[in-house]
Amino acid sequence: MRILDILKEETIISELHATDKKGVLEELTAPVAQTSGVNQEEMVRVLMERERLGSTGIGDGIAIPHGKLKSLESLLVGFGRSHKGVDFEAIDGKPAHLFFLLMAPENSTGAHLRMLARISRLLKDSSFRQRLMTAADRRKLYMVIADEDNEF
């Protein structure tokens, strides 16, 4: 399964304005809710509950907030970037700049874990992270993700 099988260009935010974790989650979920019809407040609630279990900030400027919703029928993915960086309580203590949002149906453990693993693998590549940080706009971000997703 590829990220582009799920990620829509309209759910990419080239510059997040939020300065805290909840704000980032609200910003990331807005276009995903709009394109999918899923309740945004419910997504934020589920994501915040997940964050209370432990931060999804995995270090190297990356966070992969994720959660599960009963009402979903398929995976949803969004992406956001913050040049300034946001304290996401990452394991390395550094701000997060790149955010992949993943929402999954409650009963989709396999697909959910496979997509998390794929996103994590792609983001281990520092040149990919750098290309994401320097992409000019939403379209270019989509193209960077597409290039990497097709190669992997």
Protein backbone atom coordinates (compact mmCIF):
# COMPACT_ATOMS: atom_id res chain seq x y z
CA MET A 1 0.00 0.00 0.00
CA ARG A 2 1.35 3.39 -1.01
CA ILE A 3 0.80 6.69 0.78
CA LEU A 4 -0.54 8.20 -2.45
CA ASP A 5 -3.27 5.57 -2.51
CA ILE A 6 -4.75 7.55 0.39
CA LEU A 7 -3.15 11.02 0.55
CA LYS A 8 -5.01 13.72 -1.36
CA GLU A 9 -3.23 16.90 -2.41
CA GLU A 10 -5.96 18.96 -0.71
CA THR A 11 -5.03 17.44 2.66
CA ILE A 12 -1.48 18.81 2.49
CA ILE A 13 -0.71 22.00 4.43
CA SER A 14 2.50 23.66 3.28
CA GLU A 15 2.78 25.91 6.33
CA LEU A 16 1.14 25.13 9.65
CA HIS A 17 0.51 28.20 11.81
CA ALA A 18 -0.18 26.42 15.10
CA THR A 19 2.26 26.83 17.96
CA ASP A 20 1.17 23.88 20.12
CA LYS A 21 0.23 20.22 19.77
CA LYS A 22 -3.55 20.65 19.91
CA GLY A 23 -3.39 23.49 17.40
CA VAL A 24 -1.38 21.34 14.99
CA LEU A 25 -3.91 18.52 15.31
CA GLU A 26 -6.79 20.93 14.68
CA GLU A 27 -5.04 22.33 11.61
CA LEU A 28 -4.08 18.91 10.22
CA THR A 29 -7.56 17.47 10.65
CA ALA A 30 -9.44 20.40 9.04
CA PRO A 31 -8.76 19.53 5.37
CA VAL A 32 -9.01 15.78 6.09
CA ALA A 33 -12.44 16.33 7.68
CA GLN A 34 -13.52 18.54 4.79
CA THR A 35 -12.53 16.05 2.08
CA SER A 36 -13.78 12.95 3.92
CA GLY A 37 -16.88 14.22 5.73
CA VAL A 38 -15.55 12.85 9.03
CA ASN A 39 -16.20 14.90 12.16
CA GLN A 40 -13.14 17.04 12.87
CA GLU A 41 -13.76 17.40 16.62
CA GLU A 42 -13.97 13.63 16.95
CA MET A 43 -10.66 13.23 15.12
CA VAL A 44 -8.96 15.79 17.37
CA ARG A 45 -10.39 14.12 20.48
CA VAL A 46 -9.10 10.69 19.42
CA LEU A 47 -5.69 12.09 18.48
CA MET A 48 -5.34 13.95 21.80
CA GLU A 49 -6.27 10.76 23.68
CA ARG A 50 -3.54 8.93 21.75
CA GLU A 51 -1.02 11.69 22.55
CA ARG A 52 -1.78 11.30 26.26
CA LEU A 53 -0.56 7.68 26.01
CA GLY A 54 2.74 8.91 24.61
CA SER A 55 3.84 11.45 22.06
CA THR A 56 3.77 10.54 18.39
CA GLY A 57 6.76 12.85 17.94
CA ILE A 58 9.34 10.30 16.84
CA GLY A 59 12.36 12.60 16.61
CA ASP A 60 14.35 14.08 13.72
CA GLY A 61 11.67 16.78 13.37
CA ILE A 62 8.93 14.23 12.65
CA ALA A 63 5.55 13.52 14.22
CA ILE A 64 3.03 10.94 13.04
CA PRO A 65 -0.17 11.61 14.97
CA HIS A 66 -2.53 8.70 14.49
CA GLY A 67 -5.74 7.29 15.87
CA LYS A 68 -8.73 5.09 15.16
CA LEU A 69 -12.38 5.97 14.65
CA LYS A 70 -15.39 3.63 14.59
CA SER A 71 -17.08 5.73 11.90
CA LEU A 72 -14.29 5.32 9.33
CA GLU A 73 -14.47 2.87 6.47
CA SER A 74 -10.92 3.40 5.19
CA LEU A 75 -7.60 5.00 6.13
CA LEU A 76 -7.24 8.78 5.93
CA VAL A 77 -3.91 10.59 5.61
CA GLY A 78 -2.92 14.23 5.82
CA PHE A 79 0.39 16.06 5.84
CA GLY A 80 1.55 19.35 7.30
CA ARG A 81 4.81 21.25 7.58
CA SER A 82 5.95 23.87 10.05
CA HIS A 83 9.15 25.72 9.18
CA LYS A 84 9.23 27.23 12.66
CA GLY A 85 8.67 23.90 14.36
CA VAL A 86 6.30 22.91 17.16
CA ASP A 87 7.06 21.29 20.50
CA PHE A 88 5.40 17.90 20.06
CA GLU A 89 7.12 16.31 23.06
CA ALA A 90 9.27 14.27 20.69
CA ILE A 91 11.56 11.61 22.08
CA ASP A 92 14.65 13.64 21.11
CA GLY A 93 13.24 16.80 22.73
CA LYS A 94 13.45 18.74 19.46
CA PRO A 95 10.57 20.53 17.70
CA ALA A 96 8.63 18.71 15.00
CA HIS A 97 8.48 20.21 11.50
CA LEU A 98 6.96 17.39 9.42
CA PHE A 99 3.60 15.89 10.37
CA PHE A 100 1.88 12.92 8.79
CA LEU A 101 -1.65 12.45 10.13
CA LEU A 102 -3.11 8.94 9.96
CA MET A 103 -6.69 8.05 10.88
CA ALA A 104 -7.83 4.44 10.64
CA PRO A 105 -11.04 2.47 11.05
CA GLU A 106 -11.26 0.86 14.48
CA ASN A 107 -10.93 -2.66 13.04
CA SER A 108 -8.02 -2.03 10.64
CA THR A 109 -4.98 -2.95 12.70
CA GLY A 110 -3.02 -4.47 9.81
CA ALA A 111 -3.55 -1.65 7.30
CA HIS A 112 -3.00 0.96 10.01
CA LEU A 113 0.32 -0.55 11.10
CA ARG A 114 1.51 -1.09 7.51
CA MET A 115 0.85 2.57 6.67
CA LEU A 116 2.57 3.76 9.86
CA ALA A 117 5.58 1.59 8.97
CA ARG A 118 5.68 2.90 5.40
CA ILE A 119 5.54 6.54 6.49
CA SER A 120 8.24 5.90 9.12
CA ARG A 121 10.51 4.17 6.61
CA LEU A 122 10.24 7.01 4.10
CA LEU A 123 10.92 9.62 6.76
CA LYS A 124 14.13 7.89 7.91
CA ASP A 125 15.75 9.24 4.74
CA SER A 126 17.25 12.62 5.65
CA SER A 127 17.34 13.76 2.00
CA PHE A 128 13.59 13.09 1.73
CA ARG A 129 12.99 15.13 4.90
CA GLN A 130 15.13 17.93 3.45
CA ARG A 131 13.17 17.91 0.16
CA LEU A 132 9.94 18.14 2.16
CA MET A 133 11.31 21.11 4.11
CA THR A 134 12.36 23.00 0.96
CA ALA A 135 9.39 22.27 -1.32
CA ALA A 136 7.84 25.58 -2.34
CA ASP A 137 4.14 24.80 -1.99
CA ARG A 138 1.42 22.16 -1.62
CA ARG A 139 1.81 20.90 -5.19
CA LYS A 140 5.60 20.51 -4.81
CA LEU A 141 5.14 18.74 -1.46
CA TYR A 142 2.75 16.30 -3.12
CA MET A 143 5.27 15.71 -5.92
CA VAL A 144 8.13 15.09 -3.43
CA ILE A 145 5.97 12.55 -1.57
CA ALA A 146 4.90 10.97 -4.88
CA ASP A 147 8.52 10.62 -6.07
CA GLU A 148 9.62 8.95 -2.85
CA ASP A 149 6.48 6.81 -2.56
CA ASN A 150 6.98 5.48 -6.11
CA GLU A 151 10.65 4.68 -5.57
CA PHE A 152 10.22 2.81 -2.30
